[in-house]
Amino acid sequence: MKPIFRGGFPRLSLLLLLLGAFSLVIADLRGDSTRTVRTAISIILTPVQWLVDIPTGVADDISTVLVDRAALIKDNNQLHSNSILLEKKVQQMMMLRAENVRLRELLNASSKVDEKVLLAELIGVNPDPFQHQIILDKGSEDGIFVGQPVLDAGGVMGQVVEVSLYTNRTMLVTDGRHAVPVEVVRNGMRAIALGKGSHGELDITHVTDNADIRVGDLLVTSALGGRFPYGYPLAKIVSVERDPSRKFMIVKAKPAARLDNSRYVLMIGEAGPQQSTNVLKPATANTATAGNL
């Protein structure tokens, strides 16, 4: 390795530089003359310091931005997931609240029924648009029988037309093959309510043009057919039309039961010796109608 300083002159130069440095240090400590020079030098070097510090500052800013963006994306994803979970819980709470209301209504309805009642749940709907039938989760093992009335919190829904061991098939009052003898609460006038194949409408037949029936009249079961007990709400009159060319008025009613959205229903009564044998016999149009008439 070559020495840094060779010969006498370089050594002398080093000595002179050291003496000069010590002199400047002593002068700076004891006098104010060097402060002006130092201030001027610092002013000159300030832009250089700024330029040197720029890459570091830019690197720190970029790192902060990247870290903040990643954190924001993570927080946003977490908040989005929490929002979805909360919405799901809110929907479940709304469903539970609605179901609780329906069960309370059924409980109140069952307290008004004198006969034995059994709570059943809807588990299926007949997809045939010409047959208004539902499937309930109670069968012959639970004492269900053909012809048993089915109600919800609003009123009469229909009657059982087929029973298996653990389920039953119920025909709704709006089925085109169903008929129920009814009575007007206001004046006791009797008539027959026929299904039309539409969930929101019943035909009230054989009402003479001079009969006392009005829009808003409540129809209840009259018990004349021996199938439905007396006094259960069935429908409300929604329109009354008189046609001079016809002997009878055109009267339409809206079912009191919520046929489209009732999940829980009440099965009314219990099977007698003869009724308990009517299992797994599909009902025909004549069966449902004759049972009511």
C-alpha atoms as a PDB file:
ATOM      1  CA  MET A   1       0.000   0.000   0.000  1.00  0.00           C
ATOM      2  CA  LYS A   2       1.259   3.429  -0.946  1.00  0.00           C
ATOM      3  CA  PRO A   3       1.426   6.017   1.827  1.00  0.00           C
ATOM      4  CA  ILE A   4      -0.837   8.994   1.542  1.00  0.00           C
ATOM      5  CA  PHE A   5       1.840  11.560   2.241  1.00  0.00           C
ATOM      6  CA  ARG A   6       5.332  10.989   0.851  1.00  0.00           C
ATOM      7  CA  GLY A   7       8.280  13.258   1.310  1.00  0.00           C
ATOM      8  CA  GLY A   8       8.720  16.282   3.552  1.00  0.00           C
ATOM      9  CA  PHE A   9       6.445  18.764   1.802  1.00  0.00           C
ATOM     10  CA  PRO A  10       3.232  16.750   2.121  1.00  0.00           C
ATOM     11  CA  ARG A  11       3.877  16.273   5.815  1.00  0.00           C
ATOM     12  CA  LEU A  12       4.431  19.958   6.210  1.00  0.00           C
ATOM     13  CA  SER A  13       1.167  20.627   4.400  1.00  0.00           C
ATOM     14  CA  LEU A  14      -0.676  18.318   6.783  1.00  0.00           C
ATOM     15  CA  LEU A  15       0.830  20.088   9.755  1.00  0.00           C
ATOM     16  CA  LEU A  16      -0.152  23.490   8.394  1.00  0.00           C
ATOM     17  CA  LEU A  17      -3.733  22.308   7.745  1.00  0.00           C
ATOM     18  CA  LEU A  18      -4.050  21.007  11.273  1.00  0.00           C
ATOM     19  CA  LEU A  19      -2.745  24.270  12.717  1.00  0.00           C
ATOM     20  CA  GLY A  20      -5.180  26.190  10.531  1.00  0.00           C
ATOM     21  CA  ALA A  21      -8.096  24.032  11.703  1.00  0.00           C
ATOM     22  CA  PHE A  22      -7.230  24.513  15.374  1.00  0.00           C
ATOM     23  CA  SER A  23      -6.886  28.242  14.773  1.00  0.00           C
ATOM     24  CA  LEU A  24     -10.349  28.415  13.253  1.00  0.00           C
ATOM     25  CA  VAL A  25     -11.839  26.454  16.147  1.00  0.00           C
ATOM     26  CA  ILE A  26     -10.219  28.773  18.707  1.00  0.00           C
ATOM     27  CA  ALA A  27     -11.293  31.849  16.762  1.00  0.00           C
ATOM     28  CA  ASP A  28     -14.854  30.587  16.518  1.00  0.00           C
ATOM     29  CA  LEU A  29     -14.997  29.962  20.239  1.00  0.00           C
ATOM     30  CA  ARG A  30     -13.557  33.350  21.292  1.00  0.00           C
ATOM     31  CA  GLY A  31     -14.693  35.743  18.595  1.00  0.00           C
ATOM     32  CA  ASP A  32     -17.700  36.731  16.520  1.00  0.00           C
ATOM     33  CA  SER A  33     -15.825  37.298  13.279  1.00  0.00           C
ATOM     34  CA  THR A  34     -16.189  33.734  12.092  1.00  0.00           C
ATOM     35  CA  ARG A  35     -19.950  33.687  12.776  1.00  0.00           C
ATOM     36  CA  THR A  36     -20.574  35.963   9.811  1.00  0.00           C
ATOM     37  CA  VAL A  37     -18.562  33.717   7.570  1.00  0.00           C
ATOM     38  CA  ARG A  38     -20.308  30.643   8.933  1.00  0.00           C
ATOM     39  CA  THR A  39     -23.719  32.233   8.384  1.00  0.00           C
ATOM     40  CA  ALA A  40     -22.850  33.085   4.806  1.00  0.00           C
ATOM     41  CA  ILE A  41     -21.601  29.560   4.175  1.00  0.00           C
ATOM     42  CA  SER A  42     -24.788  28.070   5.706  1.00  0.00           C
ATOM     43  CA  ILE A  43     -26.920  30.268   3.454  1.00  0.00           C
ATOM     44  CA  ILE A  44     -24.983  29.074   0.458  1.00  0.00           C
ATOM     45  CA  LEU A  45     -25.240  25.431   1.530  1.00  0.00           C
ATOM     46  CA  THR A  46     -28.983  25.551   2.428  1.00  0.00           C
ATOM     47  CA  PRO A  47     -30.189  24.859  -1.148  1.00  0.00           C
ATOM     48  CA  VAL A  48     -27.726  22.004  -1.347  1.00  0.00           C
ATOM     49  CA  GLN A  49     -29.165  20.559   1.874  1.00  0.00           C
ATOM     50  CA  TRP A  50     -32.680  20.911   0.472  1.00  0.00           C
ATOM     51  CA  LEU A  51     -31.681  19.156  -2.720  1.00  0.00           C
ATOM     52  CA  VAL A  52     -30.013  16.365  -0.760  1.00  0.00           C
ATOM     53  CA  ASP A  53     -33.083  15.981   1.471  1.00  0.00           C
ATOM     54  CA  ILE A  54     -35.590  15.851  -1.428  1.00  0.00           C
ATOM     55  CA  PRO A  55     -35.103  12.135  -2.300  1.00  0.00           C
ATOM     56  CA  THR A  56     -35.481  11.157   1.348  1.00  0.00           C
ATOM     57  CA  GLY A  57     -38.655  13.228   1.736  1.00  0.00           C
ATOM     58  CA  VAL A  58     -40.149  11.881  -1.474  1.00  0.00           C
ATOM     59  CA  ALA A  59     -39.347   8.319  -0.444  1.00  0.00           C
ATOM     60  CA  ASP A  60     -40.990   8.877   2.958  1.00  0.00           C
ATOM     61  CA  ASP A  61     -44.088  10.412   1.349  1.00  0.00           C
ATOM     62  CA  ILE A  62     -44.417   7.570  -1.143  1.00  0.00           C
ATOM     63  CA  SER A  63     -43.994   5.005   1.618  1.00  0.00           C
ATOM     64  CA  THR A  64     -46.628   6.768   3.739  1.00  0.00           C
ATOM     65  CA  VAL A  65     -49.057   6.946   0.824  1.00  0.00           C
ATOM     66  CA  LEU A  66     -48.591   3.298  -0.026  1.00  0.00           C
ATOM     67  CA  VAL A  67     -48.973   2.211   3.587  1.00  0.00           C
ATOM     68  CA  ASP A  68     -52.018   4.443   4.097  1.00  0.00           C
ATOM     69  CA  ARG A  69     -53.629   3.196   0.867  1.00  0.00           C
ATOM     70  CA  ALA A  70     -53.080  -0.438   1.810  1.00  0.00           C
ATOM     71  CA  ALA A  71     -54.493   0.239   5.279  1.00  0.00           C
ATOM     72  CA  LEU A  72     -57.469   2.076   3.810  1.00  0.00           C
ATOM     73  CA  ILE A  73     -58.179  -0.767   1.377  1.00  0.00           C
ATOM     74  CA  LYS A  74     -57.981  -3.278   4.219  1.00  0.00           C
ATOM     75  CA  ASP A  75     -60.223  -1.174   6.452  1.00  0.00           C
ATOM     76  CA  ASN A  76     -62.679  -0.625   3.593  1.00  0.00           C
ATOM     77  CA  ASN A  77     -62.905  -4.351   2.890  1.00  0.00           C
ATOM     78  CA  GLN A  78     -63.413  -5.048   6.585  1.00  0.00           C
ATOM     79  CA  LEU A  79     -66.118  -2.403   6.849  1.00  0.00           C
ATOM     80  CA  HIS A  80     -67.814  -3.746   3.728  1.00  0.00           C
ATOM     81  CA  SER A  81     -67.844  -7.262   5.194  1.00  0.00           C
ATOM     82  CA  ASN A  82     -69.194  -5.956   8.501  1.00  0.00           C
ATOM     83  CA  SER A  83     -71.880  -4.013   6.636  1.00  0.00           C
ATOM     84  CA  ILE A  84     -73.028  -7.137   4.784  1.00  0.00           C
ATOM     85  CA  LEU A  85     -73.131  -9.116   8.032  1.00  0.00           C
ATOM     86  CA  LEU A  86     -75.114  -6.375   9.752  1.00  0.00           C
ATOM     87  CA  GLU A  87     -77.577  -6.184   6.853  1.00  0.00           C
ATOM     88  CA  LYS A  88     -78.025  -9.943   7.071  1.00  0.00           C
ATOM     89  CA  LYS A  89     -78.686  -9.713  10.807  1.00  0.00           C
ATOM     90  CA  VAL A  90     -81.150  -6.869  10.260  1.00  0.00           C
ATOM     91  CA  GLN A  91     -83.007  -8.930   7.663  1.00  0.00           C
ATOM     92  CA  GLN A  92     -83.077 -11.901  10.030  1.00  0.00           C
ATOM     93  CA  MET A  93     -84.365  -9.671  12.814  1.00  0.00           C
ATOM     94  CA  MET A  94     -87.090  -8.320  10.534  1.00  0.00           C
ATOM     95  CA  MET A  95     -88.073 -11.860   9.556  1.00  0.00           C
ATOM     96  CA  LEU A  96     -88.085 -12.955  13.206  1.00  0.00           C
ATOM     97  CA  ARG A  97     -90.155  -9.933  14.176  1.00  0.00           C
ATOM     98  CA  ALA A  98     -92.683 -10.609  11.416  1.00  0.00           C
ATOM     99  CA  GLU A  99     -92.815 -14.282  12.354  1.00  0.00           C
ATOM    100  CA  ASN A 100     -93.275 -13.353  16.005  1.00  0.00           C
ATOM    101  CA  VAL A 101     -96.177 -11.076  15.064  1.00  0.00           C
ATOM    102  CA  ARG A 102     -97.804 -13.863  13.030  1.00  0.00           C
ATOM    103  CA  LEU A 103     -97.386 -16.350  15.882  1.00  0.00           C
ATOM    104  CA  ARG A 104     -98.908 -13.867  18.326  1.00  0.00           C
ATOM    105  CA  GLU A 105    -101.838 -13.377  15.981  1.00  0.00           C
ATOM    106  CA  LEU A 106    -102.282 -17.137  15.750  1.00  0.00           C
ATOM    107  CA  LEU A 107    -102.103 -17.387  19.541  1.00  0.00           C
ATOM    108  CA  ASN A 108    -104.824 -14.770  19.851  1.00  0.00           C
ATOM    109  CA  ALA A 109    -106.873 -16.561  17.202  1.00  0.00           C
ATOM    110  CA  SER A 110    -106.538 -19.914  18.965  1.00  0.00           C
ATOM    111  CA  SER A 111    -107.786 -18.371  22.208  1.00  0.00           C
ATOM    112  CA  LYS A 112    -111.052 -17.526  20.425  1.00  0.00           C
ATOM    113  CA  VAL A 113    -111.553 -21.082  19.169  1.00  0.00           C
ATOM    114  CA  ASP A 114    -113.539 -23.447  21.363  1.00  0.00           C
ATOM    115  CA  GLU A 115    -112.446 -26.628  19.574  1.00  0.00           C
ATOM    116  CA  LYS A 116    -109.106 -28.364  19.871  1.00  0.00           C
ATOM    117  CA  VAL A 117    -106.427 -26.711  17.734  1.00  0.00           C
ATOM    118  CA  LEU A 118    -103.082 -27.867  16.382  1.00  0.00           C
ATOM    119  CA  LEU A 119    -100.374 -25.572  15.041  1.00  0.00           C
ATOM    120  CA  ALA A 120     -98.981 -26.599  11.635  1.00  0.00           C
ATOM    121  CA  GLU A 121     -96.349 -25.128   9.345  1.00  0.00           C
ATOM    122  CA  LEU A 122     -96.546 -24.743   5.579  1.00  0.00           C
ATOM    123  CA  ILE A 123     -93.822 -26.778   3.864  1.00  0.00           C
ATOM    124  CA  GLY A 124     -94.956 -26.791   0.240  1.00  0.00           C
ATOM    125  CA  VAL A 125     -97.244 -25.271  -2.380  1.00  0.00           C
ATOM    126  CA  ASN A 126     -98.866 -27.044  -5.319  1.00  0.00           C
ATOM    127  CA  PRO A 127     -97.218 -25.579  -8.459  1.00  0.00           C
ATOM    128  CA  ASP A 128    -100.318 -26.235 -10.569  1.00  0.00           C
ATOM    129  CA  PRO A 129    -101.922 -22.782 -11.132  1.00  0.00           C
ATOM    130  CA  PHE A 130    -105.359 -24.401 -11.436  1.00  0.00           C
ATOM    131  CA  GLN A 131    -105.152 -26.095  -8.015  1.00  0.00           C
ATOM    132  CA  HIS A 132    -104.870 -23.907  -4.950  1.00  0.00           C
ATOM    133  CA  GLN A 133    -103.389 -26.383  -2.509  1.00  0.00           C
ATOM    134  CA  ILE A 134    -100.696 -26.263   0.155  1.00  0.00           C
ATOM    135  CA  ILE A 135     -98.789 -28.962   2.047  1.00  0.00           C
ATOM    136  CA  LEU A 136     -98.597 -28.832   5.850  1.00  0.00           C
ATOM    137  CA  ASP A 137     -96.256 -30.677   8.200  1.00  0.00           C
ATOM    138  CA  LYS A 138     -98.911 -32.557  10.173  1.00  0.00           C
ATOM    139  CA  GLY A 139    -100.362 -35.941   9.199  1.00  0.00           C
ATOM    140  CA  SER A 140    -102.327 -38.897  10.480  1.00  0.00           C
ATOM    141  CA  GLU A 141     -99.751 -39.453  13.232  1.00  0.00           C
ATOM    142  CA  ASP A 142    -100.849 -36.079  14.635  1.00  0.00           C
ATOM    143  CA  GLY A 143    -104.561 -36.870  14.343  1.00  0.00           C
ATOM    144  CA  ILE A 144    -105.155 -34.962  11.085  1.00  0.00           C
ATOM    145  CA  PHE A 145    -108.156 -36.121   9.064  1.00  0.00           C
ATOM    146  CA  VAL A 146    -109.701 -35.402   5.658  1.00  0.00           C
ATOM    147  CA  GLY A 147    -112.106 -32.488   5.849  1.00  0.00           C
ATOM    148  CA  GLN A 148    -110.398 -30.864   8.838  1.00  0.00           C
ATOM    149  CA  PRO A 149    -110.745 -27.039   8.734  1.00  0.00           C
ATOM    150  CA  VAL A 150    -107.586 -24.954   8.417  1.00  0.00           C
ATOM    151  CA  LEU A 151    -107.377 -21.340   9.633  1.00  0.00           C
ATOM    152  CA  ASP A 152    -104.783 -18.619   9.926  1.00  0.00           C
ATOM    153  CA  ALA A 153    -104.892 -15.480  12.074  1.00  0.00           C
ATOM    154  CA  GLY A 154    -107.231 -13.799   9.581  1.00  0.00           C
ATOM    155  CA  GLY A 155    -109.826 -16.476   8.984  1.00  0.00           C
ATOM    156  CA  VAL A 156    -110.652 -19.710   7.155  1.00  0.00           C
ATOM    157  CA  MET A 157    -107.979 -20.897   4.711  1.00  0.00           C
ATOM    158  CA  GLY A 158    -109.476 -24.173   3.530  1.00  0.00           C
ATOM    159  CA  GLN A 159    -109.806 -27.820   4.448  1.00  0.00           C
ATOM    160  CA  VAL A 160    -107.667 -30.951   4.388  1.00  0.00           C
ATOM    161  CA  VAL A 161    -108.267 -33.095   1.297  1.00  0.00           C
ATOM    162  CA  GLU A 162    -105.471 -35.666   1.574  1.00  0.00           C
ATOM    163  CA  VAL A 163    -103.552 -37.048   4.546  1.00  0.00           C
ATOM    164  CA  SER A 164    -100.337 -39.050   4.718  1.00  0.00           C
ATOM    165  CA  LEU A 165     -98.455 -40.249   7.766  1.00  0.00           C
ATOM    166  CA  TYR A 166     -96.567 -37.028   8.480  1.00  0.00           C
ATOM    167  CA  THR A 167     -98.044 -34.426   6.100  1.00  0.00           C
ATOM    168  CA  ASN A 168    -101.352 -33.354   4.655  1.00  0.00           C
ATOM    169  CA  ARG A 169    -102.619 -31.541   1.557  1.00  0.00           C
ATOM    170  CA  THR A 170    -105.024 -28.649   2.158  1.00  0.00           C
ATOM    171  CA  MET A 171    -107.311 -27.135  -0.472  1.00  0.00           C
ATOM    172  CA  LEU A 172    -107.673 -23.372  -0.146  1.00  0.00           C
ATOM    173  CA  VAL A 173    -111.047 -21.650  -0.226  1.00  0.00           C
ATOM    174  CA  THR A 174    -110.090 -19.920  -3.489  1.00  0.00           C
ATOM    175  CA  ASP A 175    -109.689 -23.208  -5.355  1.00  0.00           C
ATOM    176  CA  GLY A 176    -112.214 -23.460  -8.185  1.00  0.00           C
ATOM    177  CA  ARG A 177    -113.569 -26.725  -6.709  1.00  0.00           C
ATOM    178  CA  HIS A 178    -114.185 -25.382  -3.204  1.00  0.00           C
ATOM    179  CA  ALA A 179    -117.449 -24.096  -1.717  1.00  0.00           C
ATOM    180  CA  VAL A 180    -118.331 -22.913   1.788  1.00  0.00           C
ATOM    181  CA  PRO A 181    -121.803 -22.119   3.216  1.00  0.00           C
ATOM    182  CA  VAL A 182    -121.601 -18.629   4.749  1.00  0.00           C
ATOM    183  CA  GLU A 183    -123.683 -16.158   6.681  1.00  0.00           C
ATOM    184  CA  VAL A 184    -123.705 -12.359   6.681  1.00  0.00           C
ATOM    185  CA  VAL A 185    -122.880 -11.183  10.207  1.00  0.00           C
ATOM    186  CA  ARG A 186    -124.962  -8.013   9.905  1.00  0.00           C
ATOM    187  CA  ASN A 187    -128.299  -9.660   9.157  1.00  0.00           C
ATOM    188  CA  GLY A 188    -127.816 -13.436   9.181  1.00  0.00           C
ATOM    189  CA  MET A 189    -128.465 -13.863   5.438  1.00  0.00           C
ATOM    190  CA  ARG A 190    -127.109 -17.178   4.126  1.00  0.00           C
ATOM    191  CA  ALA A 191    -125.230 -17.797   0.882  1.00  0.00           C
ATOM    192  CA  ILE A 192    -122.488 -19.926  -0.635  1.00  0.00           C
ATOM    193  CA  ALA A 193    -118.902 -18.757  -1.247  1.00  0.00           C
ATOM    194  CA  LEU A 194    -117.271 -20.383  -4.276  1.00  0.00           C
ATOM    195  CA  GLY A 195    -113.604 -20.333  -5.177  1.00  0.00           C
ATOM    196  CA  LYS A 196    -112.701 -18.765  -8.531  1.00  0.00           C
ATOM    197  CA  GLY A 197    -109.127 -19.925  -8.926  1.00  0.00           C
ATOM    198  CA  SER A 198    -107.829 -16.498  -7.866  1.00  0.00           C
ATOM    199  CA  HIS A 199    -106.155 -15.970  -4.492  1.00  0.00           C
ATOM    200  CA  GLY A 200    -107.824 -12.643  -3.902  1.00  0.00           C
ATOM    201  CA  GLU A 201    -111.445 -13.287  -4.855  1.00  0.00           C
ATOM    202  CA  LEU A 202    -114.495 -15.418  -4.054  1.00  0.00           C
ATOM    203  CA  ASP A 203    -117.901 -15.564  -5.728  1.00  0.00           C
ATOM    204  CA  ILE A 204    -120.986 -15.345  -3.512  1.00  0.00           C
ATOM    205  CA  THR A 205    -123.640 -17.246  -5.425  1.00  0.00           C
ATOM    206  CA  HIS A 206    -127.435 -17.368  -5.432  1.00  0.00           C
ATOM    207  CA  VAL A 207    -127.919 -13.898  -3.956  1.00  0.00           C
ATOM    208  CA  THR A 208    -131.274 -12.547  -5.131  1.00  0.00           C
ATOM    209  CA  ASP A 209    -131.492  -9.040  -6.546  1.00  0.00           C
ATOM    210  CA  ASN A 210    -133.484  -7.826  -3.541  1.00  0.00           C
ATOM    211  CA  ALA A 211    -131.201  -9.332  -0.896  1.00  0.00           C
ATOM    212  CA  ASP A 212    -129.811  -7.068   1.825  1.00  0.00           C
ATOM    213  CA  ILE A 213    -126.072  -7.359   1.217  1.00  0.00           C
ATOM    214  CA  ARG A 214    -123.580  -4.519   1.083  1.00  0.00           C
ATOM    215  CA  VAL A 215    -119.933  -3.808   0.390  1.00  0.00           C
ATOM    216  CA  GLY A 216    -117.996  -4.315   3.616  1.00  0.00           C
ATOM    217  CA  ASP A 217    -120.265  -7.021   5.041  1.00  0.00           C
ATOM    218  CA  LEU A 218    -118.367  -9.737   6.895  1.00  0.00           C
ATOM    219  CA  LEU A 219    -119.087 -13.345   5.931  1.00  0.00           C
ATOM    220  CA  VAL A 220    -118.591 -16.137   8.457  1.00  0.00           C
ATOM    221  CA  THR A 221    -119.032 -19.890   8.223  1.00  0.00           C
ATOM    222  CA  SER A 222    -122.623 -20.958   8.843  1.00  0.00           C
ATOM    223  CA  ALA A 223    -121.861 -24.606   9.796  1.00  0.00           C
ATOM    224  CA  LEU A 224    -124.673 -25.815   7.492  1.00  0.00           C
ATOM    225  CA  GLY A 225    -122.393 -28.207   5.643  1.00  0.00           C
ATOM    226  CA  GLY A 226    -121.215 -29.881   8.812  1.00  0.00           C
ATOM    227  CA  ARG A 227    -117.594 -29.343   7.802  1.00  0.00           C
ATOM    228  CA  PHE A 228    -116.680 -25.901   9.157  1.00  0.00           C
ATOM    229  CA  PRO A 229    -117.711 -24.867  12.692  1.00  0.00           C
ATOM    230  CA  TYR A 230    -119.972 -21.852  13.055  1.00  0.00           C
ATOM    231  CA  GLY A 231    -118.761 -18.274  13.125  1.00  0.00           C
ATOM    232  CA  TYR A 232    -115.273 -18.358  11.608  1.00  0.00           C
ATOM    233  CA  PRO A 233    -114.454 -15.311   9.395  1.00  0.00           C
ATOM    234  CA  LEU A 234    -114.241 -16.229   5.723  1.00  0.00           C
ATOM    235  CA  ALA A 235    -114.383 -13.068   3.594  1.00  0.00           C
ATOM    236  CA  LYS A 236    -115.543  -9.470   3.210  1.00  0.00           C
ATOM    237  CA  ILE A 237    -117.824  -8.241   0.443  1.00  0.00           C
ATOM    238  CA  VAL A 238    -115.904  -6.017  -1.983  1.00  0.00           C
ATOM    239  CA  SER A 239    -118.441  -5.493  -4.791  1.00  0.00           C
ATOM    240  CA  VAL A 240    -122.196  -5.881  -5.397  1.00  0.00           C
ATOM    241  CA  GLU A 241    -123.613  -5.566  -8.934  1.00  0.00           C
ATOM    242  CA  ARG A 242    -127.261  -5.803  -9.938  1.00  0.00           C
ATOM    243  CA  ASP A 243    -127.987  -6.968 -13.476  1.00  0.00           C
ATOM    244  CA  PRO A 244    -131.639  -6.617 -14.597  1.00  0.00           C
ATOM    245  CA  SER A 245    -131.177  -9.486 -17.036  1.00  0.00           C
ATOM    246  CA  ARG A 246    -130.207 -11.888 -14.261  1.00  0.00           C
ATOM    247  CA  LYS A 247    -132.129 -13.266 -11.312  1.00  0.00           C
ATOM    248  CA  PHE A 248    -129.181 -13.093  -8.984  1.00  0.00           C
ATOM    249  CA  MET A 249    -126.710 -10.337  -8.142  1.00  0.00           C
ATOM    250  CA  ILE A 250    -123.001 -10.561  -8.934  1.00  0.00           C
ATOM    251  CA  VAL A 251    -121.343 -10.453  -5.535  1.00  0.00           C
ATOM    252  CA  LYS A 252    -117.600 -10.764  -4.978  1.00  0.00           C
ATOM    253  CA  ALA A 253    -115.686 -11.069  -1.728  1.00  0.00           C
ATOM    254  CA  LYS A 254    -112.086 -10.975  -0.575  1.00  0.00           C
ATOM    255  CA  PRO A 255    -110.835 -13.848   1.649  1.00  0.00           C
ATOM    256  CA  ALA A 256    -110.100 -12.867   5.237  1.00  0.00           C
ATOM    257  CA  ALA A 257    -107.155 -15.271   5.460  1.00  0.00           C
ATOM    258  CA  ARG A 258    -103.728 -14.325   4.136  1.00  0.00           C
ATOM    259  CA  LEU A 259    -103.571 -17.149   1.637  1.00  0.00           C
ATOM    260  CA  ASP A 260    -100.367 -16.009  -0.073  1.00  0.00           C
ATOM    261  CA  ASN A 261     -98.118 -15.378   2.912  1.00  0.00           C
ATOM    262  CA  SER A 262     -99.326 -17.360   5.927  1.00  0.00           C
ATOM    263  CA  ARG A 263     -96.626 -19.754   7.090  1.00  0.00           C
ATOM    264  CA  TYR A 264     -98.233 -21.064  10.271  1.00  0.00           C
ATOM    265  CA  VAL A 265    -101.852 -22.243  10.433  1.00  0.00           C
ATOM    266  CA  LEU A 266    -104.281 -23.743  12.894  1.00  0.00           C
ATOM    267  CA  MET A 267    -105.864 -27.137  12.362  1.00  0.00           C
ATOM    268  CA  ILE A 268    -109.321 -27.131  14.000  1.00  0.00           C
ATOM    269  CA  GLY A 269    -110.971 -30.103  15.724  1.00  0.00           C
ATOM    270  CA  GLU A 270    -109.952 -33.716  16.162  1.00  0.00           C
ATOM    271  CA  ALA A 271    -110.742 -36.862  14.216  1.00  0.00           C
ATOM    272  CA  GLY A 272    -113.744 -38.956  15.127  1.00  0.00           C
ATOM    273  CA  PRO A 273    -114.013 -42.727  14.624  1.00  0.00           C
ATOM    274  CA  GLN A 274    -115.115 -42.360  11.006  1.00  0.00           C
ATOM    275  CA  GLN A 275    -112.921 -39.397  10.085  1.00  0.00           C
ATOM    276  CA  SER A 276    -109.699 -41.009  11.258  1.00  0.00           C
ATOM    277  CA  THR A 277    -109.987 -43.658   8.518  1.00  0.00           C
ATOM    278  CA  ASN A 278    -109.965 -41.108   5.678  1.00  0.00           C
ATOM    279  CA  VAL A 279    -106.260 -41.263   4.950  1.00  0.00           C
ATOM    280  CA  LEU A 280    -104.467 -41.098   1.592  1.00  0.00           C
ATOM    281  CA  LYS A 281    -107.676 -40.644  -0.418  1.00  0.00           C
ATOM    282  CA  PRO A 282    -107.215 -37.781  -2.890  1.00  0.00           C
ATOM    283  CA  ALA A 283    -110.175 -35.410  -2.885  1.00  0.00           C
ATOM    284  CA  THR A 284    -112.028 -34.612  -6.072  1.00  0.00           C
ATOM    285  CA  ALA A 285    -114.011 -31.535  -6.932  1.00  0.00           C
ATOM    286  CA  ASN A 286    -117.208 -33.217  -5.762  1.00  0.00           C
ATOM    287  CA  THR A 287    -115.620 -34.212  -2.461  1.00  0.00           C
ATOM    288  CA  ALA A 288    -114.619 -30.686  -1.484  1.00  0.00           C
ATOM    289  CA  THR A 289    -117.873 -29.108  -2.589  1.00  0.00           C
ATOM    290  CA  ALA A 290    -120.240 -31.740  -1.261  1.00  0.00           C
ATOM    291  CA  GLY A 291    -118.512 -31.702   2.094  1.00  0.00           C
ATOM    292  CA  ASN A 292    -119.377 -28.035   2.497  1.00  0.00           C
ATOM    293  CA  LEU A 293    -122.846 -28.036   1.004  1.00  0.00           C
END
